PDB file of N, CA and C in Angstrom:
ATOM      1  N   MET A   1      53.177  17.604 -26.815  1.00  0.00           N
ATOM      2  CA  MET A   1      53.411  16.774 -27.963  1.00  0.00           C
ATOM      3  C   MET A   1      54.814  17.141 -28.438  1.00  0.00           C
ATOM      4  N   ALA A   2      55.549  16.112 -28.812  1.00  0.00           N
ATOM      5  CA  ALA A   2      56.935  16.278 -29.321  1.00  0.00           C
ATOM      6  C   ALA A   2      56.968  16.082 -30.792  1.00  0.00           C
ATOM      7  N   ILE A   3      57.888  16.723 -31.491  1.00  0.00           N
ATOM      8  CA  ILE A   3      58.174  16.550 -32.896  1.00  0.00           C
ATOM      9  C   ILE A   3      58.747  15.167 -33.095  1.00  0.00           C
ATOM     10  N   PRO A   4      58.368  14.400 -34.119  1.00  0.00           N
ATOM     11  CA  PRO A   4      59.006  13.124 -34.367  1.00  0.00           C
ATOM     12  C   PRO A   4      60.514  13.240 -34.469  1.00  0.00           C
ATOM     13  N   LYS A   5      61.220  12.160 -34.093  1.00  0.00           N
ATOM     14  CA  LYS A   5      62.687  12.261 -34.060  1.00  0.00           C
ATOM     15  C   LYS A   5      63.240  12.593 -35.374  1.00  0.00           C
ATOM     16  N   ILE A   6      62.778  11.985 -36.481  1.00  0.00           N
ATOM     17  CA  ILE A   6      63.300  12.302 -37.791  1.00  0.00           C
ATOM     18  C   ILE A   6      62.995  13.795 -38.098  1.00  0.00           C
ATOM     19  N   GLY A   7      61.783  14.287 -37.891  1.00  0.00           N
ATOM     20  CA  GLY A   7      61.474  15.634 -38.116  1.00  0.00           C
ATOM     21  C   GLY A   7      62.316  16.641 -37.425  1.00  0.00           C
ATOM     22  N   ALA A   8      62.593  16.303 -36.116  1.00  0.00           N
ATOM     23  CA  ALA A   8      63.377  17.208 -35.220  1.00  0.00           C
ATOM     24  C   ALA A   8      64.885  17.281 -35.729  1.00  0.00           C
ATOM     25  N   ALA A   9      65.396  16.074 -36.185  1.00  0.00           N
ATOM     26  CA  ALA A   9      66.773  16.090 -36.615  1.00  0.00           C
ATOM     27  C   ALA A   9      66.850  16.781 -37.942  1.00  0.00           C
ATOM     28  N   LEU A  10      65.893  16.650 -38.849  1.00  0.00           N
ATOM     29  CA  LEU A  10      65.880  17.320 -40.181  1.00  0.00           C
ATOM     30  C   LEU A  10      65.800  18.824 -39.955  1.00  0.00           C
ATOM     31  N   ILE A  11      64.985  19.204 -38.998  1.00  0.00           N
ATOM     32  CA  ILE A  11      64.806  20.669 -38.724  1.00  0.00           C
ATOM     33  C   ILE A  11      66.145  21.300 -38.157  1.00  0.00           C
ATOM     34  N   ALA A  12      66.813  20.527 -37.269  1.00  0.00           N
ATOM     35  CA  ALA A  12      68.075  20.984 -36.696  1.00  0.00           C
ATOM     36  C   ALA A  12      69.200  21.159 -37.750  1.00  0.00           C
ATOM     37  N   ILE A  13      69.201  20.111 -38.650  1.00  0.00           N
ATOM     38  CA  ILE A  13      70.176  20.181 -39.736  1.00  0.00           C
ATOM     39  C   ILE A  13      69.989  21.458 -40.658  1.00  0.00           C
ATOM     40  N   LEU A  14      68.603  21.581 -40.993  1.00  0.00           N
ATOM     41  CA  LEU A  14      68.300  22.700 -41.872  1.00  0.00           C
ATOM     42  C   LEU A  14      68.569  24.054 -41.211  1.00  0.00           C
ATOM     43  N   MET A  15      68.348  24.118 -39.968  1.00  0.00           N
ATOM     44  CA  MET A  15      68.579  25.442 -39.286  1.00  0.00           C
ATOM     45  C   MET A  15      70.072  25.743 -39.201  1.00  0.00           C
ATOM     46  N   VAL A  16      70.857  24.765 -38.890  1.00  0.00           N
ATOM     47  CA  VAL A  16      72.278  25.031 -38.869  1.00  0.00           C
ATOM     48  C   VAL A  16      72.851  25.394 -40.162  1.00  0.00           C
ATOM     49  N   THR A  17      72.464  24.662 -41.234  1.00  0.00           N
ATOM     50  CA  THR A  17      72.877  24.946 -42.579  1.00  0.00           C
ATOM     51  C   THR A  17      72.446  26.270 -43.091  1.00  0.00           C
ATOM     52  N   ALA A  18      71.219  26.575 -42.668  1.00  0.00           N
ATOM     53  CA  ALA A  18      70.644  27.915 -43.064  1.00  0.00           C
ATOM     54  C   ALA A  18      71.385  29.057 -42.448  1.00  0.00           C
ATOM     55  N   ALA A  19      71.698  28.866 -41.129  1.00  0.00           N
ATOM     56  CA  ALA A  19      72.469  29.977 -40.422  1.00  0.00           C
ATOM     57  C   ALA A  19      73.829  30.203 -41.112  1.00  0.00           C
ATOM     58  N   ARG A  20      74.514  29.099 -41.519  1.00  0.00           N
ATOM     59  CA  ARG A  20      75.801  29.236 -42.195  1.00  0.00           C
ATOM     60  C   ARG A  20      75.666  29.901 -43.503  1.00  0.00           C
ATOM     61  N   THR A  21      74.684  29.500 -44.308  1.00  0.00           N
ATOM     62  CA  THR A  21      74.616  29.988 -45.717  1.00  0.00           C
ATOM     63  C   THR A  21      73.939  31.327 -45.729  1.00  0.00           C
ATOM     64  N   ALA A  22      73.163  31.802 -44.832  1.00  0.00           N
ATOM     65  CA  ALA A  22      72.543  33.058 -44.835  1.00  0.00           C
ATOM     66  C   ALA A  22      73.485  34.226 -44.804  1.00  0.00           C
ATOM     67  N   GLN A  23      74.652  33.934 -44.261  1.00  0.00           N
ATOM     68  CA  GLN A  23      75.767  34.964 -44.133  1.00  0.00           C
ATOM     69  C   GLN A  23      76.433  35.260 -45.455  1.00  0.00           C
ATOM     70  N   ALA A  24      76.382  34.340 -46.320  1.00  0.00           N
ATOM     71  CA  ALA A  24      77.167  34.590 -47.649  1.00  0.00           C
ATOM     72  C   ALA A  24      76.143  34.954 -48.744  1.00  0.00           C
ATOM     73  N   PRO A  25      76.292  36.079 -49.436  1.00  0.00           N
ATOM     74  CA  PRO A  25      75.316  36.499 -50.410  1.00  0.00           C
ATOM     75  C   PRO A  25      75.145  35.528 -51.570  1.00  0.00           C
ATOM     76  N   GLN A  26      76.243  34.714 -51.976  1.00  0.00           N
ATOM     77  CA  GLN A  26      76.126  33.833 -53.070  1.00  0.00           C
ATOM     78  C   GLN A  26      75.119  32.709 -52.778  1.00  0.00           C
ATOM     79  N   TYR A  27      74.845  32.418 -51.520  1.00  0.00           N
ATOM     80  CA  TYR A  27      73.984  31.321 -51.121  1.00  0.00           C
ATOM     81  C   TYR A  27      72.533  31.835 -50.845  1.00  0.00           C
ATOM     82  N   GLN A  28      72.214  33.003 -51.198  1.00  0.00           N
ATOM     83  CA  GLN A  28      70.926  33.552 -50.920  1.00  0.00           C
ATOM     84  C   GLN A  28      69.769  32.672 -51.437  1.00  0.00           C
ATOM     85  N   GLU A  29      69.887  32.092 -52.698  1.00  0.00           N
ATOM     86  CA  GLU A  29      68.930  31.302 -53.251  1.00  0.00           C
ATOM     87  C   GLU A  29      68.753  30.010 -52.481  1.00  0.00           C
ATOM     88  N   GLN A  30      69.874  29.477 -52.057  1.00  0.00           N
ATOM     89  CA  GLN A  30      69.863  28.193 -51.261  1.00  0.00           C
ATOM     90  C   GLN A  30      69.142  28.495 -49.973  1.00  0.00           C
ATOM     91  N   TRP A  31      69.414  29.628 -49.355  1.00  0.00           N
ATOM     92  CA  TRP A  31      68.848  30.024 -48.044  1.00  0.00           C
ATOM     93  C   TRP A  31      67.303  30.081 -48.163  1.00  0.00           C
ATOM     94  N   LEU A  32      66.765  30.601 -49.276  1.00  0.00           N
ATOM     95  CA  LEU A  32      65.405  30.653 -49.476  1.00  0.00           C
ATOM     96  C   LEU A  32      64.733  29.312 -49.705  1.00  0.00           C
ATOM     97  N   ARG A  33      65.418  28.389 -50.343  1.00  0.00           N
ATOM     98  CA  ARG A  33      65.029  27.042 -50.520  1.00  0.00           C
ATOM     99  C   ARG A  33      64.979  26.334 -49.158  1.00  0.00           C
ATOM    100  N   LEU A  34      66.041  26.494 -48.383  1.00  0.00           N
ATOM    101  CA  LEU A  34      66.080  25.792 -47.053  1.00  0.00           C
ATOM    102  C   LEU A  34      65.031  26.335 -46.138  1.00  0.00           C
ATOM    103  N   ASP A  35      64.784  27.599 -46.216  1.00  0.00           N
ATOM    104  CA  ASP A  35      63.732  28.221 -45.399  1.00  0.00           C
ATOM    105  C   ASP A  35      62.353  27.708 -45.802  1.00  0.00           C
ATOM    106  N   PHE A  36      62.144  27.510 -47.059  1.00  0.00           N
ATOM    107  CA  PHE A  36      60.926  26.949 -47.553  1.00  0.00           C
ATOM    108  C   PHE A  36      60.683  25.499 -47.101  1.00  0.00           C
ATOM    109  N   VAL A  37      61.821  24.723 -47.251  1.00  0.00           N
ATOM    110  CA  VAL A  37      61.772  23.281 -46.860  1.00  0.00           C
ATOM    111  C   VAL A  37      61.523  23.204 -45.309  1.00  0.00           C
ATOM    112  N   ALA A  38      62.228  23.982 -44.529  1.00  0.00           N
ATOM    113  CA  ALA A  38      62.001  23.967 -43.081  1.00  0.00           C
ATOM    114  C   ALA A  38      60.576  24.319 -42.694  1.00  0.00           C
ATOM    115  N   GLY A  39      59.938  25.329 -43.416  1.00  0.00           N
ATOM    116  CA  GLY A  39      58.553  25.681 -43.161  1.00  0.00           C
ATOM    117  C   GLY A  39      57.669  24.631 -43.491  1.00  0.00           C
ATOM    118  N   LEU A  40      57.876  23.880 -44.651  1.00  0.00           N
ATOM    119  CA  LEU A  40      57.047  22.698 -45.031  1.00  0.00           C
ATOM    120  C   LEU A  40      57.125  21.572 -44.050  1.00  0.00           C
ATOM    121  N   THR A  41      58.431  21.353 -43.515  1.00  0.00           N
ATOM    122  CA  THR A  41      58.600  20.373 -42.606  1.00  0.00           C
ATOM    123  C   THR A  41      57.911  20.633 -41.232  1.00  0.00           C
ATOM    124  N   LEU A  42      57.960  21.839 -40.796  1.00  0.00           N
ATOM    125  CA  LEU A  42      57.169  22.224 -39.540  1.00  0.00           C
ATOM    126  C   LEU A  42      55.793  22.088 -39.770  1.00  0.00           C
ATOM    127  N   ALA A  43      55.303  22.552 -40.912  1.00  0.00           N
ATOM    128  CA  ALA A  43      53.832  22.507 -41.192  1.00  0.00           C
ATOM    129  C   ALA A  43      53.400  21.042 -41.248  1.00  0.00           C
ATOM    130  N   ASN A  44      54.196  20.165 -41.813  1.00  0.00           N
ATOM    131  CA  ASN A  44      53.826  18.757 -41.957  1.00  0.00           C
ATOM    132  C   ASN A  44      53.771  18.145 -40.582  1.00  0.00           C
ATOM    133  N   SER A  45      54.826  18.441 -39.689  1.00  0.00           N
ATOM    134  CA  SER A  45      54.888  17.901 -38.378  1.00  0.00           C
ATOM    135  C   SER A  45      53.659  18.335 -37.564  1.00  0.00           C
ATOM    136  N   PHE A  46      53.226  19.522 -37.599  1.00  0.00           N
ATOM    137  CA  PHE A  46      52.100  20.042 -36.914  1.00  0.00           C
ATOM    138  C   PHE A  46      50.766  19.373 -37.422  1.00  0.00           C
ATOM    139  N   HIS A  47      50.682  19.170 -38.764  1.00  0.00           N
ATOM    140  CA  HIS A  47      49.613  18.477 -39.337  1.00  0.00           C
ATOM    141  C   HIS A  47      49.410  17.080 -38.900  1.00  0.00           C
ATOM    142  N   GLU A  48      50.580  16.368 -38.790  1.00  0.00           N
ATOM    143  CA  GLU A  48      50.498  14.982 -38.294  1.00  0.00           C
ATOM    144  C   GLU A  48      49.958  14.933 -36.885  1.00  0.00           C
ATOM    145  N   PHE A  49      50.351  15.858 -36.076  1.00  0.00           N
ATOM    146  CA  PHE A  49      49.893  15.817 -34.719  1.00  0.00           C
ATOM    147  C   PHE A  49      48.415  16.301 -34.601  1.00  0.00           C
ATOM    148  N   ALA A  50      48.007  17.088 -35.474  1.00  0.00           N
ATOM    149  CA  ALA A  50      46.609  17.540 -35.464  1.00  0.00           C
ATOM    150  C   ALA A  50      45.675  16.436 -35.908  1.00  0.00           C
ATOM    151  N   CYS A  51      46.179  15.502 -36.697  1.00  0.00           N
ATOM    152  CA  CYS A  51      45.339  14.398 -37.297  1.00  0.00           C
ATOM    153  C   CYS A  51      45.760  13.079 -36.630  1.00  0.00           C
ATOM    154  N   MET A  52      45.961  13.137 -35.296  1.00  0.00           N
ATOM    155  CA  MET A  52      46.398  11.913 -34.631  1.00  0.00           C
ATOM    156  C   MET A  52      45.343  10.853 -34.814  1.00  0.00           C
ATOM    157  N   TYR A  53      45.667   9.584 -34.979  1.00  0.00           N
ATOM    158  CA  TYR A  53      44.800   8.492 -35.162  1.00  0.00           C
ATOM    159  C   TYR A  53      44.103   8.085 -33.873  1.00  0.00           C
ATOM    160  N   GLN A  54      42.807   7.934 -33.868  1.00  0.00           N
ATOM    161  CA  GLN A  54      42.119   7.426 -32.701  1.00  0.00           C
ATOM    162  C   GLN A  54      41.405   6.262 -33.022  1.00  0.00           C
ATOM    163  N   ASP A  55      41.698   5.071 -32.375  1.00  0.00           N
ATOM    164  CA  ASP A  55      41.059   3.801 -32.607  1.00  0.00           C
ATOM    165  C   ASP A  55      39.601   3.896 -31.982  1.00  0.00           C
ATOM    166  N   LEU A  56      38.671   3.597 -32.819  1.00  0.00           N
ATOM    167  CA  LEU A  56      37.283   3.677 -32.375  1.00  0.00           C
ATOM    168  C   LEU A  56      36.783   2.431 -31.703  1.00  0.00           C
ATOM    169  N   GLY A  57      37.614   1.357 -31.837  1.00  0.00           N
ATOM    170  CA  GLY A  57      37.208   0.063 -31.150  1.00  0.00           C
ATOM    171  C   GLY A  57      36.734  -0.897 -32.221  1.00  0.00           C
ATOM    172  N   ALA A  58      36.809  -2.177 -31.864  1.00  0.00           N
ATOM    173  CA  ALA A  58      36.445  -3.274 -32.745  1.00  0.00           C
ATOM    174  C   ALA A  58      34.916  -3.317 -32.914  1.00  0.00           C
ATOM    175  N   ASP A  59      34.245  -2.812 -32.026  1.00  0.00           N
ATOM    176  CA  ASP A  59      32.711  -2.950 -32.012  1.00  0.00           C
ATOM    177  C   ASP A  59      32.034  -1.536 -32.365  1.00  0.00           C
ATOM    178  N   TYR A  60      32.859  -0.696 -33.056  1.00  0.00           N
ATOM    179  CA  TYR A  60      32.318   0.720 -33.361  1.00  0.00           C
ATOM    180  C   TYR A  60      31.124   0.659 -34.255  1.00  0.00           C
ATOM    181  N   PHE A  61      31.178  -0.165 -35.364  1.00  0.00           N
ATOM    182  CA  PHE A  61      29.972  -0.250 -36.217  1.00  0.00           C
ATOM    183  C   PHE A  61      28.842  -0.978 -35.600  1.00  0.00           C
ATOM    184  N   ASP A  62      29.104  -1.865 -34.663  1.00  0.00           N
ATOM    185  CA  ASP A  62      28.011  -2.599 -33.964  1.00  0.00           C
ATOM    186  C   ASP A  62      27.378  -1.575 -33.030  1.00  0.00           C
ATOM    187  N   ARG A  63      28.106  -0.672 -32.429  1.00  0.00           N
ATOM    188  CA  ARG A  63      27.452   0.318 -31.499  1.00  0.00           C
ATOM    189  C   ARG A  63      26.621   1.369 -32.250  1.00  0.00           C
ATOM    190  N   ILE A  64      27.122   1.754 -33.420  1.00  0.00           N
ATOM    191  CA  ILE A  64      26.316   2.881 -34.082  1.00  0.00           C
ATOM    192  C   ILE A  64      25.154   2.331 -34.849  1.00  0.00           C
ATOM    193  N   ASN A  65      25.170   1.054 -35.182  1.00  0.00           N
ATOM    194  CA  ASN A  65      24.016   0.461 -35.921  1.00  0.00           C
ATOM    195  C   ASN A  65      23.507  -0.743 -35.087  1.00  0.00           C
ATOM    196  N   ALA A  66      23.245  -0.550 -33.799  1.00  0.00           N
ATOM    197  CA  ALA A  66      22.792  -1.676 -32.936  1.00  0.00           C
ATOM    198  C   ALA A  66      21.495  -2.258 -33.371  1.00  0.00           C
ATOM    199  N   GLU A  67      20.465  -1.507 -33.774  1.00  0.00           N
ATOM    200  CA  GLU A  67      19.197  -2.028 -34.228  1.00  0.00           C
ATOM    201  C   GLU A  67      19.371  -2.841 -35.505  1.00  0.00           C
ATOM    202  N   ARG A  68      20.088  -2.260 -36.410  1.00  0.00           N
ATOM    203  CA  ARG A  68      20.323  -2.943 -37.695  1.00  0.00           C
ATOM    204  C   ARG A  68      21.051  -4.246 -37.507  1.00  0.00           C
ATOM    205  N   LEU A  69      22.042  -4.262 -36.661  1.00  0.00           N
ATOM    206  CA  LEU A  69      22.751  -5.440 -36.350  1.00  0.00           C
ATOM    207  C   LEU A  69      21.879  -6.538 -35.712  1.00  0.00           C
ATOM    208  N   LYS A  70      21.021  -6.077 -34.774  1.00  0.00           N
ATOM    209  CA  LYS A  70      20.059  -6.963 -34.192  1.00  0.00           C
ATOM    210  C   LYS A  70      19.131  -7.626 -35.234  1.00  0.00           C
ATOM    211  N   HIS A  71      18.620  -6.804 -36.094  1.00  0.00           N
ATOM    212  CA  HIS A  71      17.701  -7.309 -37.137  1.00  0.00           C
ATOM    213  C   HIS A  71      18.417  -8.269 -38.090  1.00  0.00           C
ATOM    214  N   TYR A  72      19.629  -7.980 -38.488  1.00  0.00           N
ATOM    215  CA  TYR A  72      20.445  -8.849 -39.269  1.00  0.00           C
ATOM    216  C   TYR A  72      20.713 -10.186 -38.610  1.00  0.00           C
ATOM    217  N   LEU A  73      21.112 -10.143 -37.413  1.00  0.00           N
ATOM    218  CA  LEU A  73      21.347 -11.487 -36.710  1.00  0.00           C
ATOM    219  C   LEU A  73      20.158 -12.261 -36.469  1.00  0.00           C
ATOM    220  N   VAL A  74      19.002 -11.727 -36.189  1.00  0.00           N
ATOM    221  CA  VAL A  74      17.741 -12.430 -36.119  1.00  0.00           C
ATOM    222  C   VAL A  74      17.373 -13.096 -37.451  1.00  0.00           C
ATOM    223  N   GLN A  75      17.486 -12.298 -38.464  1.00  0.00           N
ATOM    224  CA  GLN A  75      17.276 -12.903 -39.840  1.00  0.00           C
ATOM    225  C   GLN A  75      18.143 -14.027 -40.211  1.00  0.00           C
ATOM    226  N   ARG A  76      19.413 -13.881 -39.809  1.00  0.00           N
ATOM    227  CA  ARG A  76      20.465 -14.891 -40.093  1.00  0.00           C
ATOM    228  C   ARG A  76      20.050 -16.202 -39.316  1.00  0.00           C
ATOM    229  N   LEU A  77      19.737 -16.022 -38.014  1.00  0.00           N
ATOM    230  CA  LEU A  77      19.421 -17.235 -37.188  1.00  0.00           C
ATOM    231  C   LEU A  77      18.143 -17.904 -37.769  1.00  0.00           C
ATOM    232  N   GLU A  78      17.141 -17.084 -38.167  1.00  0.00           N
ATOM    233  CA  GLU A  78      15.917 -17.645 -38.676  1.00  0.00           C
ATOM    234  C   GLU A  78      16.174 -18.359 -40.003  1.00  0.00           C
ATOM    235  N   SER A  79      17.085 -17.818 -40.885  1.00  0.00           N
ATOM    236  CA  SER A  79      17.388 -18.536 -42.066  1.00  0.00           C
ATOM    237  C   SER A  79      18.150 -19.819 -41.850  1.00  0.00           C
ATOM    238  N   LEU A  80      18.667 -20.060 -40.681  1.00  0.00           N
ATOM    239  CA  LEU A  80      19.300 -21.285 -40.327  1.00  0.00           C
ATOM    240  C   LEU A  80      18.379 -22.295 -39.674  1.00  0.00           C
ATOM    241  N   GLY A  81      17.089 -21.871 -39.575  1.00  0.00           N
ATOM    242  CA  GLY A  81      16.066 -22.730 -39.064  1.00  0.00           C
ATOM    243  C   GLY A  81      15.799 -22.575 -37.500  1.00  0.00           C
ATOM    244  N   GLN A  82      16.213 -21.505 -36.979  1.00  0.00           N
ATOM    245  CA  GLN A  82      16.047 -21.223 -35.531  1.00  0.00           C
ATOM    246  C   GLN A  82      14.871 -20.280 -35.265  1.00  0.00           C
ATOM    247  N   LYS A  83      14.222 -20.505 -34.182  1.00  0.00           N
ATOM    248  CA  LYS A  83      13.142 -19.570 -33.701  1.00  0.00           C
ATOM    249  C   LYS A  83      13.826 -18.573 -32.774  1.00  0.00           C
ATOM    250  N   VAL A  84      13.675 -17.255 -33.015  1.00  0.00           N
ATOM    251  CA  VAL A  84      14.371 -16.296 -32.281  1.00  0.00           C
ATOM    252  C   VAL A  84      13.408 -15.422 -31.532  1.00  0.00           C
ATOM    253  N   THR A  85      13.561 -15.317 -30.169  1.00  0.00           N
ATOM    254  CA  THR A  85      12.806 -14.341 -29.376  1.00  0.00           C
ATOM    255  C   THR A  85      13.770 -13.501 -28.561  1.00  0.00           C
ATOM    256  N   LEU A  86      13.646 -12.203 -28.730  1.00  0.00           N
ATOM    257  CA  LEU A  86      14.516 -11.336 -28.034  1.00  0.00           C
ATOM    258  C   LEU A  86      13.764 -10.707 -26.857  1.00  0.00           C
ATOM    259  N   GLU A  87      14.430 -10.653 -25.743  1.00  0.00           N
ATOM    260  CA  GLU A  87      13.917 -10.110 -24.501  1.00  0.00           C
ATOM    261  C   GLU A  87      14.984  -9.051 -24.044  1.00  0.00           C
ATOM    262  N   PRO A  88      14.538  -7.870 -23.676  1.00  0.00           N
ATOM    263  CA  PRO A  88      15.498  -6.926 -23.120  1.00  0.00           C
ATOM    264  C   PRO A  88      16.036  -7.384 -21.689  1.00  0.00           C
ATOM    265  N   ARG A  89      17.322  -7.217 -21.549  1.00  0.00           N
ATOM    266  CA  ARG A  89      18.050  -7.564 -20.332  1.00  0.00           C
ATOM    267  C   ARG A  89      17.597  -6.589 -19.196  1.00  0.00           C
ATOM    268  N   GLU A  90      17.456  -7.203 -17.961  1.00  0.00           N
ATOM    269  CA  GLU A  90      17.147  -6.262 -16.839  1.00  0.00           C
ATOM    270  C   GLU A  90      18.473  -5.625 -16.438  1.00  0.00           C
ATOM    271  N   SER A  91      18.361  -4.350 -16.134  1.00  0.00           N
ATOM    272  CA  SER A  91      19.587  -3.591 -15.886  1.00  0.00           C
ATOM    273  C   SER A  91      19.989  -3.932 -14.439  1.00  0.00           C
ATOM    274  N   ALA A  92      21.249  -4.056 -14.305  1.00  0.00           N
ATOM    275  CA  ALA A  92      21.792  -4.407 -12.917  1.00  0.00           C
ATOM    276  C   ALA A  92      21.866  -3.109 -12.013  1.00  0.00           C
ATOM    277  N   ALA A  93      20.932  -2.855 -11.271  1.00  0.00           N
ATOM    278  CA  ALA A  93      20.848  -1.619 -10.492  1.00  0.00           C
ATOM    279  C   ALA A  93      21.061  -1.923  -9.028  1.00  0.00           C
TER     280      ALA A  93
END
């Protein structure tokens, strides 16, 4: 997995700036702030990749509640005046 382009660029800028300012004692407070921001950026980037979005599919809820969906559709058709008979499909073996 790669770090997003914006995150990688920000980290590079922060590290170069931090390396320059770390050498001068008057910039010690800025160095600490940059170190903190760089750490947050890295933590955020890793968190984004740990929580990658996974599409479950358009029929996800139909698959997890198949019996309930069947019951609902039968009731719906019967409310429209249809007689419904369900027969299991023969498996293609």
